[in-house]
Protein backbone atom coordinates (compact mmCIF):
# COMPACT_ATOMS: atom_id res chain seq x y z
CA MET A 1 0.05 0.18 0.14
CA ARG A 2 2.88 2.01 0.78
CA ARG A 3 4.27 1.50 -2.68
CA ALA A 4 1.31 2.53 -4.27
CA PHE A 5 1.52 5.83 -2.68
CA GLN A 6 4.71 7.02 -3.51
CA ILE A 7 4.12 5.85 -6.97
CA LEU A 8 1.18 7.63 -7.25
CA PHE A 9 2.85 10.69 -5.34
CA ILE A 10 5.47 10.76 -8.24
CA LEU A 11 3.02 10.12 -11.14
CA LEU A 12 1.09 13.96 -9.57
CA ILE A 13 4.61 15.66 -9.31
CA SER A 14 5.45 14.53 -12.94
CA VAL A 15 2.14 15.19 -14.23
CA SER A 16 1.83 18.64 -12.47
CA CYS A 17 5.44 19.82 -13.45
CA SER A 18 5.28 18.96 -17.26
CA ASN A 19 4.92 22.08 -19.50
CA PRO A 20 1.65 22.45 -21.34
CA LYS A 21 1.65 22.54 -25.12
CA LYS A 22 2.81 25.14 -26.40
CA GLU A 23 4.18 26.56 -30.12
CA ILE A 24 5.51 29.95 -31.10
CA ILE A 25 5.30 32.17 -34.48
CA THR A 26 7.61 34.67 -34.88
CA GLU A 27 6.31 37.10 -37.89
CA ASN A 28 6.58 40.43 -39.23
CA ARG A 29 4.39 43.24 -39.62
CA THR A 30 3.97 46.79 -40.65
CA LEU A 31 1.70 49.22 -38.73
CA PHE A 32 -0.05 51.47 -41.16
CA ILE A 33 -1.30 54.55 -39.35
CA PHE A 34 -4.46 56.50 -40.80
CA ASP A 35 -5.47 60.15 -39.75
CA LEU A 36 -8.80 60.55 -41.46
CA ASP A 37 -8.86 58.52 -44.50
CA SER A 38 -5.01 58.71 -44.96
CA ILE A 39 -1.65 57.63 -44.22
CA LYS A 40 -0.25 59.26 -41.45
CA GLN A 41 3.07 57.00 -40.88
CA THR A 42 4.04 53.32 -40.75
CA GLU A 43 6.18 51.73 -38.22
CA ASN A 44 7.75 47.89 -38.63
CA TYR A 45 7.02 45.40 -36.10
CA LYS A 46 7.80 41.81 -34.83
CA LEU A 47 4.79 39.78 -33.88
CA THR A 48 5.45 36.81 -31.45
CA ILE A 49 2.52 34.74 -31.21
CA GLU A 50 2.90 32.10 -28.28
CA ILE A 51 0.13 29.96 -28.41
CA ARG A 52 -1.14 27.39 -25.61
CA ASP A 53 -4.14 25.00 -24.94
CA THR A 54 -5.84 27.89 -22.93
CA LEU A 55 -4.44 30.98 -23.67
CA THR A 56 -3.04 32.73 -27.18
CA LYS A 57 -0.66 35.42 -26.59
CA TYR A 58 0.45 38.12 -28.97
CA ASN A 59 3.47 40.31 -28.48
CA TYR A 60 3.82 43.23 -31.06
CA GLN A 61 7.34 44.43 -30.09
CA ASN A 62 8.07 47.86 -32.46
CA LEU A 63 11.42 47.75 -34.30
CA GLY A 64 12.24 51.29 -33.05
CA ASP A 65 10.32 52.14 -30.08
CA GLU A 66 9.67 49.65 -27.46
CA SER A 67 7.61 52.43 -25.31
CA LYS A 68 4.95 51.11 -28.79
CA ASN A 69 5.01 47.35 -27.69
CA MET A 70 1.85 45.83 -27.04
CA ASN A 71 0.23 42.37 -25.68
CA VAL A 72 -2.73 40.75 -26.49
CA PHE A 73 -4.28 38.08 -25.71
CA TYR A 74 -6.80 35.48 -26.63
CA ILE A 75 -8.45 33.08 -24.98
CA PRO A 76 -10.08 30.25 -27.46
CA LYS A 77 -12.99 28.73 -24.41
CA THR A 78 -14.79 31.78 -24.57
CA LYS A 79 -13.51 33.64 -28.04
CA THR A 80 -12.69 36.89 -25.70
CA LEU A 81 -9.61 39.21 -26.40
CA LYS A 82 -7.83 41.26 -23.57
CA PHE A 83 -6.07 44.17 -24.40
CA ALA A 84 -5.16 46.77 -21.76
CA LEU A 85 -7.24 46.95 -19.49
CA TRP A 86 -10.45 45.76 -21.21
CA LYS A 87 -11.83 42.76 -22.51
CA TYR A 88 -13.45 42.56 -25.97
CA ILE A 89 -16.13 40.42 -27.11
CA PRO A 90 -17.12 38.81 -31.12
CA LYS A 91 -19.85 41.50 -32.33
CA LYS A 92 -22.64 39.47 -34.14
CA GLY A 93 -22.05 40.19 -37.76
CA GLY A 94 -19.59 42.58 -39.10
CA GLY A 95 -16.75 39.92 -40.22
CA PHE A 96 -14.60 40.46 -42.85
CA LYS A 97 -12.49 38.12 -44.99
CA ALA A 98 -9.67 38.90 -47.27
CA LEU A 99 -8.32 35.56 -48.59
CA SER A 100 -4.76 37.42 -49.71
CA LEU A 101 -4.38 37.91 -45.80
CA SER A 102 -6.28 34.79 -43.97
CA SER A 103 -8.47 31.70 -45.01
CA THR A 104 -10.08 32.47 -41.39
CA GLU A 105 -12.63 35.38 -41.29
CA PHE A 106 -11.34 37.62 -39.01
CA VAL A 107 -14.38 39.08 -36.48
CA ASN A 108 -15.15 42.32 -35.22
CA TYR A 109 -14.71 42.71 -31.77
CA GLU A 110 -15.86 45.02 -29.60
CA MET A 111 -15.21 46.23 -25.71
CA GLN A 112 -17.53 44.42 -23.67
CA GLU A 113 -18.43 47.75 -21.18
CA ALA A 114 -18.56 50.09 -23.97
CA GLU A 115 -16.53 53.53 -22.77
CA THR A 116 -17.34 56.93 -25.38
CA ASP A 117 -13.44 57.37 -26.02
CA GLY A 118 -12.39 53.60 -25.69
CA THR A 119 -10.48 51.51 -28.29
CA GLY A 120 -12.54 49.74 -30.92
CA PRO A 121 -13.81 47.94 -32.93
CA ILE A 122 -10.77 45.47 -33.46
CA LEU A 123 -10.52 43.17 -36.04
CA PHE A 124 -8.90 39.97 -35.07
CA ASN A 125 -8.34 35.93 -36.01
CA PRO A 126 -6.83 34.01 -34.03
CA GLU A 127 -4.42 32.36 -36.85
CA TYR A 128 -3.41 36.14 -37.84
CA GLY A 129 -3.24 38.50 -35.06
CA ILE A 130 -5.12 41.74 -34.74
CA LEU A 131 -5.79 42.87 -38.87
CA GLY A 132 -6.73 46.49 -37.56
CA ILE A 133 -8.01 48.47 -34.89
CA GLY A 134 -10.02 51.43 -34.94
CA ASN A 135 -10.50 54.20 -32.74
CA VAL A 136 -13.33 57.31 -32.11
CA MET A 137 -10.70 59.86 -31.33
CA ALA A 138 -7.54 58.97 -32.43
CA PRO A 139 -6.31 57.34 -35.60
CA ASN A 140 -7.03 53.96 -37.01
CA PHE A 141 -4.18 50.88 -36.95
CA VAL A 142 -3.90 48.15 -39.51
CA TYR A 143 -1.34 45.53 -39.54
CA LEU A 144 -0.35 44.28 -42.17
CA LYS A 145 2.16 40.95 -43.65
CA ASN A 146 2.88 42.20 -46.72
CA GLN A 147 3.51 45.89 -48.50
CA SER A 148 1.60 43.80 -51.25
CA ASP A 149 -1.59 43.81 -49.01
CA ILE A 150 -1.82 47.94 -49.67
CA LYS A 151 -4.14 47.77 -51.91
CA ILE A 152 -6.97 46.44 -48.88
CA LEU A 153 -5.85 48.85 -47.08
CA ASP A 154 -9.75 50.96 -48.15
CA LYS A 155 -11.67 48.13 -47.44
CA ILE A 156 -10.41 47.47 -44.31
CA ILE A 157 -10.35 51.05 -42.97
CA ASP A 158 -14.23 51.07 -44.01
CA LYS A 159 -14.65 48.12 -42.32
CA LEU A 160 -13.19 49.46 -39.17
CA THR A 161 -15.37 52.84 -39.73
CA GLU A 162 -18.58 51.43 -40.39
């Protein structure tokens, strides 16, 4: 009996100490900053996607100014985003599909508890990360993988501002 408890104890320790399944993907992104309908500036980012069973972390690292780095968390079970201090939920309808960017549709996320000057909507899908961030009282942001995708910027901005 004592031997059985020792084996059980060792098994419990080995299971609790094992690393959860994790996948890391690194990609480059170009951030296009829009003031009204025109591009105000562009910035280069390195996106690191860390995929775990219960949470996916998107780390956007600005290659020129680390004060512009940001983290976004996606919780697959509830299909919610955590960005800064706020929680974002999928908005019914309002998706955006662009096969040149991703085979998966981008979902329009909005603040769970809306604020007058809050950030949103956010166009996002778990495969790509953030495509765009709309801001009522600030510039809009679009993150693209390739410069060749510039031709759809207008459609993305239209979707963020509708």
